[in-house]
Structure formats: C-alpha cells, structure tokens
PDB file of N, CA and C in Angstrom:
ATOM      1  N   MET A   1       5.583  -6.140   2.206  1.00  0.00           N
ATOM      2  CA  MET A   1       5.112  -7.042   1.447  1.00  0.00           C
ATOM      3  C   MET A   1       4.530  -6.341  -0.101  1.00  0.00           C
ATOM      4  N   PRO A   2       4.690  -6.962  -0.932  1.00  0.00           N
ATOM      5  CA  PRO A   2       3.765  -7.476  -2.117  1.00  0.00           C
ATOM      6  C   PRO A   2       3.061  -6.634  -2.342  1.00  0.00           C
ATOM      7  N   TYR A   3       2.355  -5.954  -3.307  1.00  0.00           N
ATOM      8  CA  TYR A   3       1.646  -5.907  -3.862  1.00  0.00           C
ATOM      9  C   TYR A   3       1.133  -6.088  -5.062  1.00  0.00           C
ATOM     10  N   GLU A   4      -0.467  -6.235  -5.605  1.00  0.00           N
ATOM     11  CA  GLU A   4      -0.165  -5.951  -6.887  1.00  0.00           C
ATOM     12  C   GLU A   4      -1.856  -5.109  -6.674  1.00  0.00           C
ATOM     13  N   VAL A   5      -1.287  -5.002  -8.350  1.00  0.00           N
ATOM     14  CA  VAL A   5      -2.291  -4.080  -9.492  1.00  0.00           C
ATOM     15  C   VAL A   5      -3.171  -4.643  -9.649  1.00  0.00           C
ATOM     16  N   VAL A   6      -5.221  -4.661  -9.388  1.00  0.00           N
ATOM     17  CA  VAL A   6      -5.459  -5.449 -10.790  1.00  0.00           C
ATOM     18  C   VAL A   6      -6.429  -4.781 -11.099  1.00  0.00           C
ATOM     19  N   LYS A   7      -6.390  -3.988 -12.639  1.00  0.00           N
ATOM     20  CA  LYS A   7      -7.406  -3.627 -13.637  1.00  0.00           C
ATOM     21  C   LYS A   7      -8.785  -4.007 -13.527  1.00  0.00           C
ATOM     22  N   LYS A   8      -9.420  -3.665 -12.710  1.00  0.00           N
ATOM     23  CA  LYS A   8     -10.944  -3.666 -12.629  1.00  0.00           C
ATOM     24  C   LYS A   8     -11.677  -2.602 -11.803  1.00  0.00           C
ATOM     25  N   PRO A   9     -13.101  -2.170 -12.629  1.00  0.00           N
ATOM     26  CA  PRO A   9     -13.989  -1.733 -11.963  1.00  0.00           C
ATOM     27  C   PRO A   9     -14.139  -1.651 -11.173  1.00  0.00           C
ATOM     28  N   CYS A  10     -13.758  -0.572  -9.925  1.00  0.00           N
ATOM     29  CA  CYS A  10     -14.413  -0.443  -8.421  1.00  0.00           C
ATOM     30  C   CYS A  10     -14.586   1.248  -7.595  1.00  0.00           C
ATOM     31  N   THR A  11     -14.514   0.781  -6.576  1.00  0.00           N
ATOM     32  CA  THR A  11     -15.619   2.102  -5.500  1.00  0.00           C
ATOM     33  C   THR A  11     -14.998   2.774  -4.797  1.00  0.00           C
ATOM     34  N   MET A  12     -14.642   3.706  -4.743  1.00  0.00           N
ATOM     35  CA  MET A  12     -13.017   4.251  -3.679  1.00  0.00           C
ATOM     36  C   MET A  12     -14.043   4.868  -3.575  1.00  0.00           C
ATOM     37  N   ALA A  13     -13.526   5.083  -1.899  1.00  0.00           N
ATOM     38  CA  ALA A  13     -14.223   5.537  -0.334  1.00  0.00           C
ATOM     39  C   ALA A  13     -14.715   6.648  -0.331  1.00  0.00           C
ATOM     40  N   SER A  14     -15.008   7.605  -0.919  1.00  0.00           N
ATOM     41  CA  SER A  14     -15.375   8.713  -1.917  1.00  0.00           C
ATOM     42  C   SER A  14     -16.862   8.251  -2.865  1.00  0.00           C
ATOM     43  N   GLY A  15     -16.686   7.176  -3.144  1.00  0.00           N
ATOM     44  CA  GLY A  15     -18.006   7.049  -3.756  1.00  0.00           C
ATOM     45  C   GLY A  15     -18.359   6.761  -5.292  1.00  0.00           C
ATOM     46  N   LYS A  16     -16.877   7.603  -5.800  1.00  0.00           N
ATOM     47  CA  LYS A  16     -16.387   7.518  -6.702  1.00  0.00           C
ATOM     48  C   LYS A  16     -15.358   5.993  -8.067  1.00  0.00           C
ATOM     49  N   ARG A  17     -15.910   6.133  -8.748  1.00  0.00           N
ATOM     50  CA  ARG A  17     -15.892   4.838  -9.671  1.00  0.00           C
ATOM     51  C   ARG A  17     -14.448   5.284 -10.270  1.00  0.00           C
ATOM     52  N   GLY A  18     -13.427   4.199  -9.612  1.00  0.00           N
ATOM     53  CA  GLY A  18     -12.035   3.309 -10.024  1.00  0.00           C
ATOM     54  C   GLY A  18     -12.060   2.429 -10.747  1.00  0.00           C
ATOM     55  N   GLN A  19     -10.978   2.242 -11.758  1.00  0.00           N
ATOM     56  CA  GLN A  19     -10.859   1.941 -12.470  1.00  0.00           C
ATOM     57  C   GLN A  19      -9.891   0.651 -12.208  1.00  0.00           C
ATOM     58  N   ALA A  20      -8.427   1.126 -11.038  1.00  0.00           N
ATOM     59  CA  ALA A  20      -7.952   0.203 -10.775  1.00  0.00           C
ATOM     60  C   ALA A  20      -8.075  -0.266  -9.514  1.00  0.00           C
ATOM     61  N   VAL A  21      -7.539  -1.822  -8.792  1.00  0.00           N
ATOM     62  CA  VAL A  21      -8.173  -2.264  -7.836  1.00  0.00           C
ATOM     63  C   VAL A  21      -6.596  -2.851  -7.151  1.00  0.00           C
ATOM     64  N   ILE A  22      -5.845  -2.465  -5.769  1.00  0.00           N
ATOM     65  CA  ILE A  22      -4.538  -2.307  -4.822  1.00  0.00           C
ATOM     66  C   ILE A  22      -4.800  -3.646  -4.513  1.00  0.00           C
ATOM     67  N   TYR A  23      -3.972  -4.870  -4.489  1.00  0.00           N
ATOM     68  CA  TYR A  23      -4.134  -5.741  -2.784  1.00  0.00           C
ATOM     69  C   TYR A  23      -2.619  -6.047  -2.652  1.00  0.00           C
ATOM     70  N   LYS A  24      -2.881  -6.892  -0.864  1.00  0.00           N
ATOM     71  CA  LYS A  24      -1.610  -6.395  -0.440  1.00  0.00           C
ATOM     72  C   LYS A  24      -1.130  -7.663  -0.316  1.00  0.00           C
ATOM     73  N   LEU A  25      -0.408  -8.246  -0.846  1.00  0.00           N
ATOM     74  CA  LEU A  25      -0.315 -10.066  -0.899  1.00  0.00           C
ATOM     75  C   LEU A  25       0.301 -10.269   0.462  1.00  0.00           C
ATOM     76  N   THR A  26      -0.285 -11.504   0.861  1.00  0.00           N
ATOM     77  CA  THR A  26      -0.274 -11.818   1.745  1.00  0.00           C
ATOM     78  C   THR A  26      -0.109 -13.183   2.061  1.00  0.00           C
ATOM     79  N   ASP A  27       0.207 -14.585   3.590  1.00  0.00           N
ATOM     80  CA  ASP A  27       0.536 -15.960   2.871  1.00  0.00           C
ATOM     81  C   ASP A  27      -0.343 -15.769   3.050  1.00  0.00           C
ATOM     82  N   SER A  28      -1.841 -15.676   3.492  1.00  0.00           N
ATOM     83  CA  SER A  28      -2.972 -16.244   3.786  1.00  0.00           C
ATOM     84  C   SER A  28      -3.886 -16.057   2.270  1.00  0.00           C
ATOM     85  N   GLY A  29      -2.679 -15.018   0.871  1.00  0.00           N
ATOM     86  CA  GLY A  29      -3.378 -14.023   0.331  1.00  0.00           C
ATOM     87  C   GLY A  29      -3.726 -12.690  -0.506  1.00  0.00           C
ATOM     88  N   LYS A  30      -5.029 -12.599  -0.344  1.00  0.00           N
ATOM     89  CA  LYS A  30      -4.961 -11.172  -1.259  1.00  0.00           C
ATOM     90  C   LYS A  30      -5.390 -10.105   0.574  1.00  0.00           C
ATOM     91  N   GLU A  31      -5.642  -8.967   0.259  1.00  0.00           N
ATOM     92  CA  GLU A  31      -5.801  -9.033   1.230  1.00  0.00           C
ATOM     93  C   GLU A  31      -6.086  -6.890   0.555  1.00  0.00           C
ATOM     94  N   TYR A  32      -7.362  -6.481   0.517  1.00  0.00           N
ATOM     95  CA  TYR A  32      -7.458  -5.550  -0.063  1.00  0.00           C
ATOM     96  C   TYR A  32      -7.286  -4.404  -0.095  1.00  0.00           C
ATOM     97  N   VAL A  33      -6.665  -2.953  -0.538  1.00  0.00           N
ATOM     98  CA  VAL A  33      -6.121  -1.860   0.149  1.00  0.00           C
ATOM     99  C   VAL A  33      -6.710  -0.886  -0.028  1.00  0.00           C
ATOM    100  N   SER A  34      -6.646  -0.426  -1.515  1.00  0.00           N
ATOM    101  CA  SER A  34      -7.553   0.128  -1.740  1.00  0.00           C
ATOM    102  C   SER A  34      -8.167   0.417  -3.455  1.00  0.00           C
ATOM    103  N   CYS A  35      -9.166   1.120  -3.890  1.00  0.00           N
ATOM    104  CA  CYS A  35      -9.759   1.562  -5.624  1.00  0.00           C
ATOM    105  C   CYS A  35      -8.678   2.903  -5.739  1.00  0.00           C
ATOM    106  N   GLN A  36      -8.329   2.638  -7.059  1.00  0.00           N
ATOM    107  CA  GLN A  36      -7.497   3.995  -7.503  1.00  0.00           C
ATOM    108  C   GLN A  36      -8.364   4.526  -9.128  1.00  0.00           C
ATOM    109  N   VAL A  37      -7.775   5.408  -9.747  1.00  0.00           N
ATOM    110  CA  VAL A  37      -8.418   6.225 -10.893  1.00  0.00           C
ATOM    111  C   VAL A  37      -8.153   4.778 -11.763  1.00  0.00           C
ATOM    112  N   SER A  38      -6.451   5.562 -11.608  1.00  0.00           N
ATOM    113  CA  SER A  38      -6.017   4.210 -12.725  1.00  0.00           C
ATOM    114  C   SER A  38      -4.786   3.247 -12.086  1.00  0.00           C
ATOM    115  N   GLU A  39      -4.305   1.825 -13.077  1.00  0.00           N
ATOM    116  CA  GLU A  39      -2.977   1.297 -12.692  1.00  0.00           C
ATOM    117  C   GLU A  39      -2.349   2.467 -13.217  1.00  0.00           C
ATOM    118  N   GLN A  40      -1.782   3.686 -13.615  1.00  0.00           N
ATOM    119  CA  GLN A  40      -1.174   4.204 -12.930  1.00  0.00           C
ATOM    120  C   GLN A  40      -0.455   5.185 -11.659  1.00  0.00           C
ATOM    121  N   VAL A  41      -2.030   5.678 -10.841  1.00  0.00           N
ATOM    122  CA  VAL A  41      -1.989   6.016 -10.424  1.00  0.00           C
ATOM    123  C   VAL A  41      -1.797   5.140  -8.788  1.00  0.00           C
ATOM    124  N   ALA A  42      -2.632   3.533  -9.004  1.00  0.00           N
ATOM    125  CA  ALA A  42      -1.487   2.909  -7.871  1.00  0.00           C
ATOM    126  C   ALA A  42      -1.206   1.895  -7.946  1.00  0.00           C
ATOM    127  N   TYR A  43      -0.067   2.121  -8.811  1.00  0.00           N
ATOM    128  CA  TYR A  43       0.921   2.407  -8.369  1.00  0.00           C
ATOM    129  C   TYR A  43       2.038   3.082  -8.385  1.00  0.00           C
ATOM    130  N   SER A  44       1.659   4.644  -8.552  1.00  0.00           N
ATOM    131  CA  SER A  44       2.423   5.886  -7.700  1.00  0.00           C
ATOM    132  C   SER A  44       1.742   5.040  -6.358  1.00  0.00           C
ATOM    133  N   VAL A  45       1.296   4.588  -6.061  1.00  0.00           N
ATOM    134  CA  VAL A  45       0.262   4.530  -4.522  1.00  0.00           C
ATOM    135  C   VAL A  45       0.884   4.131  -3.809  1.00  0.00           C
ATOM    136  N   ILE A  46       2.089   3.051  -4.401  1.00  0.00           N
ATOM    137  CA  ILE A  46       2.678   1.589  -4.114  1.00  0.00           C
ATOM    138  C   ILE A  46       3.662   2.170  -3.472  1.00  0.00           C
ATOM    139  N   SER A  47       3.989   3.128  -4.475  1.00  0.00           N
ATOM    140  CA  SER A  47       5.348   3.659  -4.508  1.00  0.00           C
ATOM    141  C   SER A  47       5.987   4.317  -2.680  1.00  0.00           C
ATOM    142  N   GLN A  48       4.408   5.052  -2.417  1.00  0.00           N
ATOM    143  CA  GLN A  48       3.740   5.916  -1.603  1.00  0.00           C
ATOM    144  C   GLN A  48       4.409   4.946  -0.279  1.00  0.00           C
ATOM    145  N   ILE A  49       2.949   3.787  -0.086  1.00  0.00           N
ATOM    146  CA  ILE A  49       3.168   2.839   0.956  1.00  0.00           C
ATOM    147  C   ILE A  49       4.281   2.400   1.704  1.00  0.00           C
ATOM    148  N   GLU A  50       5.194   1.616   0.409  1.00  0.00           N
ATOM    149  CA  GLU A  50       6.772   1.096   0.724  1.00  0.00           C
ATOM    150  C   GLU A  50       7.880   1.911   1.019  1.00  0.00           C
ATOM    151  N   ALA A  51       7.466   3.388   0.090  1.00  0.00           N
ATOM    152  CA  ALA A  51       8.793   4.591   1.604  1.00  0.00           C
ATOM    153  C   ALA A  51       7.598   4.706   2.219  1.00  0.00           C
ATOM    154  N   SER A  52       6.981   5.084   2.589  1.00  0.00           N
ATOM    155  CA  SER A  52       6.312   4.579   4.549  1.00  0.00           C
ATOM    156  C   SER A  52       6.895   4.159   4.392  1.00  0.00           C
ATOM    157  N   GLU A  53       6.565   2.340   4.695  1.00  0.00           N
ATOM    158  CA  GLU A  53       7.125   1.467   5.489  1.00  0.00           C
ATOM    159  C   GLU A  53       8.188   1.332   5.065  1.00  0.00           C
ATOM    160  N   LYS A  54       9.625   1.576   4.639  1.00  0.00           N
ATOM    161  CA  LYS A  54      10.376   1.857   4.604  1.00  0.00           C
ATOM    162  C   LYS A  54      11.043   2.289   5.409  1.00  0.00           C
ATOM    163  N   ALA A  55      10.026   4.026   5.714  1.00  0.00           N
ATOM    164  CA  ALA A  55      10.728   4.477   6.171  1.00  0.00           C
ATOM    165  C   ALA A  55      10.151   4.602   7.939  1.00  0.00           C
ATOM    166  N   GLU A  56       8.833   3.363   8.158  1.00  0.00           N
ATOM    167  CA  GLU A  56       8.771   2.988   9.725  1.00  0.00           C
ATOM    168  C   GLU A  56       9.845   2.229   9.811  1.00  0.00           C
ATOM    169  N   LYS A  57      10.241   1.829   9.368  1.00  0.00           N
ATOM    170  CA  LYS A  57      11.237   0.469  10.191  1.00  0.00           C
ATOM    171  C   LYS A  57      12.038   0.434  10.513  1.00  0.00           C
ATOM    172  N   HIS A  58      12.814   2.132   9.236  1.00  0.00           N
ATOM    173  CA  HIS A  58      14.216   2.613  10.227  1.00  0.00           C
ATOM    174  C   HIS A  58      14.084   3.378  10.802  1.00  0.00           C
ATOM    175  N   LEU A  59      12.652   4.171  11.705  1.00  0.00           N
ATOM    176  CA  LEU A  59      12.298   5.148  12.689  1.00  0.00           C
ATOM    177  C   LEU A  59      12.225   3.890  14.146  1.00  0.00           C
ATOM    178  N   SER A  60      11.929   3.008  13.575  1.00  0.00           N
ATOM    179  CA  SER A  60      11.604   1.804  14.623  1.00  0.00           C
ATOM    180  C   SER A  60      13.122   1.555  14.806  1.00  0.00           C
ATOM    181  N   ARG A  61      13.605   1.791  14.617  1.00  0.00           N
ATOM    182  CA  ARG A  61      15.526   0.725  14.668  1.00  0.00           C
ATOM    183  C   ARG A  61      16.051   1.625  15.137  1.00  0.00           C
ATOM    184  N   ILE A  62      15.455   3.034  14.968  1.00  0.00           N
ATOM    185  CA  ILE A  62      16.517   4.095  15.071  1.00  0.00           C
ATOM    186  C   ILE A  62      15.796   4.070  17.545  1.00  0.00           C
ATOM    187  N   THR A  63      14.779   3.907  17.297  1.00  0.00           N
ATOM    188  CA  THR A  63      13.484   4.288  18.815  1.00  0.00           C
ATOM    189  C   THR A  63      14.084   3.299  19.493  1.00  0.00           C
ATOM    190  N   GLU A  64      14.317   1.721  18.887  1.00  0.00           N
ATOM    191  CA  GLU A  64      15.347   1.075  19.936  1.00  0.00           C
ATOM    192  C   GLU A  64      16.876   1.158  20.011  1.00  0.00           C
ATOM    193  N   GLN A  65      16.923   1.802  19.484  1.00  0.00           N
ATOM    194  CA  GLN A  65      18.565   1.926  19.348  1.00  0.00           C
ATOM    195  C   GLN A  65      18.719   2.964  20.888  1.00  0.00           C
ATOM    196  N   VAL A  66      17.680   4.519  20.888  1.00  0.00           N
ATOM    197  CA  VAL A  66      17.578   5.061  20.589  1.00  0.00           C
ATOM    198  C   VAL A  66      17.171   4.811  22.734  1.00  0.00           C
ATOM    199  N   GLN A  67      16.409   3.659  23.546  1.00  0.00           N
ATOM    200  CA  GLN A  67      15.878   2.971  23.980  1.00  0.00           C
ATOM    201  C   GLN A  67      16.501   2.177  24.833  1.00  0.00           C
ATOM    202  N   SER A  68      17.999   1.046  24.451  1.00  0.00           N
ATOM    203  CA  SER A  68      18.624   0.446  24.847  1.00  0.00           C
ATOM    204  C   SER A  68      19.785   1.527  25.771  1.00  0.00           C
ATOM    205  N   GLN A  69      19.957   2.582  25.161  1.00  0.00           N
ATOM    206  CA  GLN A  69      21.289   3.298  25.581  1.00  0.00           C
ATOM    207  C   GLN A  69      20.980   3.700  27.199  1.00  0.00           C
TER     208      GLN A  69
END
C-alpha cells in the first residue's frame, strides 16, 4: 500500500509534539498511521513499514509452500 507524509503539527503516542503525519492510502481514503518528529523520520519509518510488509508477504508464500507439501 502506498503511504503519504503530510507536514503538520501532531502529537506522538508518547505525548511529544511531532511535525509530520504518516497516512496509509486506501481505496476508501487516508488512514492515519502515526505522528513523527520530522518528515525525514516519517519517510524512514515508511521504508521500514514497506520492508516489513514485503518480508511478511514472502514469509506467507514460504509458509503456504511448506503447508502444501
């Protein structure tokens, strides 16, 4: 899924102030993901999320192959 970073003040889960919001773009619109300290950090987080999603899909395929044997 594609993601979008919007530069705007926000509050992180820790209560600290952030400057960038990450949204996941879905068929029905934008879904809030998280508030980050800066745009640079937000893009880094997106890279990590996408890598994790890719690894999860790969693991799923391997698991399906093993179960079908």
